[in-house]
Protein backbone atom coordinates (compact mmCIF):
# COMPACT_ATOMS: atom_id res chain seq x y z
CA MET A 1 0.80 16.75 -6.82
CA ASP A 2 3.39 17.61 -9.52
CA GLU A 3 5.64 14.77 -8.42
CA ILE A 4 2.81 12.27 -8.99
CA LEU A 5 2.35 13.51 -12.57
CA LYS A 6 6.12 13.47 -13.09
CA TYR A 7 6.39 9.75 -12.38
CA PHE A 8 2.91 8.70 -13.50
CA PRO A 9 2.20 10.85 -16.58
CA ASP A 10 -0.53 8.62 -18.06
CA LEU A 11 -3.21 9.24 -15.44
CA THR A 12 -6.80 9.70 -16.57
CA ASP A 13 -8.61 12.94 -15.75
CA ILE A 14 -10.55 11.11 -13.03
CA GLN A 15 -7.33 9.82 -11.46
CA LYS A 16 -5.74 13.28 -11.58
CA GLU A 17 -8.78 14.71 -9.83
CA GLN A 18 -8.72 11.98 -7.18
CA PHE A 19 -5.01 12.45 -6.45
CA GLN A 20 -5.53 16.23 -6.34
CA LYS A 21 -8.28 15.83 -3.73
CA LEU A 22 -6.03 13.87 -1.37
CA ASP A 23 -4.34 17.04 -0.14
CA PHE A 24 -7.56 18.65 1.09
CA LEU A 25 -9.05 15.39 2.37
CA TYR A 26 -6.06 14.40 4.51
CA HIS A 27 -5.51 17.91 5.86
CA ASP A 28 -9.22 18.05 6.74
CA TRP A 29 -9.34 14.63 8.39
CA ASN A 30 -6.04 15.22 10.17
CA GLU A 31 -7.59 18.19 11.98
CA LYS A 32 -10.17 15.80 13.48
CA ILE A 33 -8.22 12.54 13.79
CA ASN A 34 -4.44 12.61 13.74
CA VAL A 35 -3.40 9.90 11.27
CA ILE A 36 -0.40 11.65 9.73
CA SER A 37 2.25 13.40 11.82
CA ARG A 38 2.18 17.20 11.71
CA LYS A 39 5.63 17.37 10.12
CA ASP A 40 4.69 14.88 7.40
CA ILE A 41 1.30 16.25 6.38
CA ASP A 42 2.92 19.01 4.33
CA SER A 43 4.98 16.37 2.49
CA LEU A 44 1.90 14.23 1.88
CA TYR A 45 2.54 13.60 -1.81
CA THR A 46 6.17 12.57 -1.40
CA LYS A 47 6.24 10.74 1.93
CA HIS A 48 2.86 9.04 1.69
CA VAL A 49 1.30 9.07 -1.78
CA LEU A 50 4.40 8.62 -3.93
CA HIS A 51 5.92 6.24 -1.41
CA SER A 52 2.78 4.09 -1.64
CA LEU A 53 2.97 4.18 -5.42
CA GLY A 54 6.47 2.74 -5.27
CA ILE A 55 4.70 -0.63 -5.29
CA ALA A 56 3.25 0.29 -8.70
CA LYS A 57 6.78 0.62 -10.11
CA ILE A 58 7.31 -3.05 -9.28
CA MET A 59 3.82 -4.42 -9.88
CA LYS A 60 1.04 -3.56 -12.33
CA PHE A 61 -1.99 -5.20 -10.76
CA GLU A 62 -4.16 -6.98 -13.30
CA PRO A 63 -7.91 -6.25 -13.48
CA GLY A 64 -9.79 -8.50 -11.08
CA SER A 65 -6.86 -8.88 -8.68
CA TYR A 66 -7.55 -8.83 -4.95
CA VAL A 67 -5.09 -7.01 -2.66
CA LEU A 68 -5.02 -6.87 1.15
CA ASP A 69 -3.45 -3.82 2.85
CA VAL A 70 -2.48 -4.73 6.41
CA GLY A 71 -2.07 -1.95 8.98
CA THR A 72 -3.23 0.64 6.47
CA GLY A 73 -3.24 3.51 9.00
CA GLY A 74 -4.73 6.47 7.16
CA GLY A 75 -4.96 4.47 3.94
CA PHE A 76 -1.38 3.90 2.77
CA PRO A 77 -0.44 2.26 0.51
CA GLY A 78 -4.01 1.13 -0.26
CA ILE A 79 -5.75 4.40 -1.22
CA PRO A 80 -3.15 5.64 -3.76
CA LEU A 81 -2.93 2.15 -5.26
CA ALA A 82 -6.72 1.92 -5.49
CA ILE A 83 -6.76 5.20 -7.44
CA LEU A 84 -4.08 3.94 -9.81
CA PHE A 85 -5.65 0.50 -10.30
CA PRO A 86 -9.43 1.06 -10.38
CA GLU A 87 -10.14 -2.47 -11.64
CA THR A 88 -8.30 -4.11 -8.72
CA ARG A 89 -10.11 -4.69 -5.42
CA PHE A 90 -8.40 -3.45 -2.27
CA TYR A 91 -9.25 -4.54 1.28
CA LEU A 92 -7.74 -2.08 3.77
CA ILE A 93 -7.54 -3.18 7.39
CA ASP A 94 -6.28 -1.75 10.66
CA VAL A 95 -6.89 -2.57 14.32
CA ILE A 96 -7.56 1.08 15.20
CA ALA A 97 -11.17 2.12 14.51
CA LYS A 98 -10.53 5.85 14.08
CA LYS A 99 -7.99 5.17 11.33
CA ILE A 100 -10.51 3.05 9.44
CA ARG A 101 -13.02 5.88 9.83
CA VAL A 102 -10.59 8.17 8.00
CA VAL A 103 -9.91 5.57 5.30
CA GLN A 104 -13.63 5.08 4.69
CA GLY A 105 -14.21 8.83 4.63
CA VAL A 106 -11.45 9.39 2.07
CA ALA A 107 -12.59 6.45 -0.09
CA ASP A 108 -16.19 7.70 -0.05
CA ALA A 109 -15.16 11.27 -0.91
CA LEU A 110 -13.11 10.00 -3.87
CA GLY A 111 -15.83 7.64 -5.06
CA LEU A 112 -13.54 4.62 -4.84
CA LYS A 113 -15.82 1.64 -5.44
CA ASN A 114 -12.87 -0.79 -5.33
CA VAL A 115 -12.01 -0.15 -1.65
CA LYS A 116 -13.36 -1.95 1.40
CA ALA A 117 -12.12 -0.76 4.81
CA GLU A 118 -12.53 -2.65 8.07
CA GLN A 119 -11.27 -2.67 11.65
CA ILE A 120 -9.94 -6.22 11.99
CA ARG A 121 -6.73 -8.04 12.85
CA ALA A 122 -4.86 -9.59 9.94
CA GLU A 123 -5.03 -13.03 11.53
CA ASN A 124 -8.84 -12.88 11.48
CA VAL A 125 -9.24 -11.92 7.82
CA LYS A 126 -11.12 -14.44 5.69
CA GLY A 127 -10.31 -14.94 2.01
CA ASP A 128 -7.40 -15.36 -0.36
CA PHE A 129 -5.45 -12.55 -2.01
CA ASP A 130 -3.14 -12.16 -4.99
CA PHE A 131 -0.92 -9.83 -3.00
CA ILE A 132 -0.66 -8.51 0.52
CA VAL A 133 0.80 -5.02 0.82
CA SER A 134 1.93 -3.04 3.82
CA ARG A 135 4.15 -0.22 4.95
CA ALA A 136 6.53 -1.34 7.69
CA VAL A 137 3.91 -2.34 10.27
CA THR A 138 6.21 -4.93 11.86
CA ASN A 139 9.20 -7.15 11.11
CA MET A 140 8.91 -9.59 8.22
CA PRO A 141 8.88 -12.85 10.27
CA ASP A 142 5.91 -11.65 12.35
CA PHE A 143 4.16 -10.26 9.27
CA VAL A 144 4.48 -13.55 7.41
CA SER A 145 3.06 -15.43 10.40
CA TRP A 146 -0.06 -13.22 10.27
CA ILE A 147 -0.87 -13.68 6.60
CA LYS A 148 0.80 -16.84 5.30
CA THR A 149 -2.51 -18.70 4.86
CA LYS A 150 -4.16 -15.93 2.83
CA ILE A 151 -2.41 -16.22 -0.55
CA LYS A 152 -4.31 -17.26 -3.68
CA LYS A 153 -3.24 -20.40 -5.50
CA GLN A 154 -3.95 -19.10 -9.02
CA GLN A 155 -1.23 -16.85 -10.45
CA LYS A 156 -2.05 -14.02 -12.83
CA HIS A 157 1.04 -11.81 -12.59
CA GLU A 158 4.66 -12.07 -13.65
CA LEU A 159 5.73 -11.73 -10.02
CA LYS A 160 4.51 -14.63 -7.94
CA ASN A 161 1.69 -14.08 -5.46
CA GLY A 162 2.85 -12.98 -2.02
CA ILE A 163 3.92 -9.90 -0.09
CA LEU A 164 4.86 -6.45 -1.41
CA TYR A 165 6.30 -4.59 1.55
CA LEU A 166 7.45 -0.97 1.80
CA LYS A 167 10.39 -0.69 4.15
CA GLY A 168 13.60 1.29 4.65
CA GLY A 169 17.17 0.74 5.78
CA ASP A 170 19.36 -2.35 5.84
CA LEU A 171 17.09 -5.40 5.76
CA THR A 172 19.83 -8.05 5.66
CA GLU A 173 19.16 -9.39 9.15
CA GLU A 174 15.39 -9.18 8.89
CA LEU A 175 15.28 -11.08 5.61
CA LYS A 176 17.96 -13.67 6.36
CA ASP A 177 15.38 -16.45 6.71
CA PHE A 178 13.65 -15.48 3.45
CA PRO A 179 16.08 -16.30 0.61
CA LYS A 180 13.36 -15.83 -2.01
CA ALA A 181 12.79 -12.18 -1.05
CA THR A 182 13.79 -9.57 -3.63
CA GLN A 183 14.55 -5.96 -2.72
CA TYR A 184 13.82 -3.12 -5.15
CA ASP A 185 15.39 0.26 -4.39
CA LEU A 186 12.89 3.09 -4.80
CA ALA A 187 15.81 5.47 -5.47
CA ASP A 188 16.00 3.76 -8.88
CA PHE A 189 12.55 5.17 -9.67
CA PHE A 190 12.17 8.37 -7.63
CA GLU A 191 14.72 11.22 -7.33
CA ASP A 192 13.73 12.76 -3.99
CA GLU A 193 16.31 12.08 -1.24
CA PHE A 194 13.50 10.67 0.93
CA PHE A 195 13.70 7.51 -1.19
CA GLU A 196 17.46 6.93 -0.82
CA THR A 197 17.01 4.12 1.71
CA LYS A 198 13.44 3.10 0.84
CA LYS A 199 12.67 -0.27 -0.73
CA VAL A 200 9.88 -2.51 -1.93
CA VAL A 201 10.38 -6.09 -0.80
CA HIS A 202 8.69 -8.83 -2.81
CA LEU A 203 8.35 -12.12 -0.97
CA PRO A 204 6.60 -14.90 -2.90
CA LEU A 205 4.46 -17.16 -0.72
CA LYS A 206 2.97 -20.52 -1.57
CA PHE A 207 -0.72 -21.28 -1.33
CA VAL A 208 -1.53 -23.01 1.96
CA VAL A 209 -4.70 -25.06 2.37
């Protein structure tokens, strides 16, 4: 929890309490439904929470924004972002029902009114979103094909509407067909060695009728 306060020192008391509760909630749920690997659960705040919040170092979501989290798993990056941006709506989806059960349980326990969780494929989602976030669920070409018709036309942020993707390693080959993609190194924001190869990729996408 200290590393969250180190990089996000302006949290409200409610946000601090919500982030604090994540440790108990995920350990408790993980005993029933394994959504985080055993070796990672003890590094929850670095490898999952802070990693998710890397998106917040690139993007401050405006109040009233609508964000889709595809392949959310146990709720990452959606749950930490929903805590940090309580006036932004987050729609967290996954194809695996038990993972959505965990997400809903965590959201309910934290009192997150800005989170909706559903078992559904990305291709079947209805609606338009300011941004679509995810954490390395697949390669970028496939990901774009799933969600390219779900971007809002109206812009309200400095960064153009599109994808904010958490991924690691050398992405040169994967992004070769996306010249408008921008990579942000999380090592520029976070000191832990875990972030040395981790990035946020912003890919602007045009509204499609």
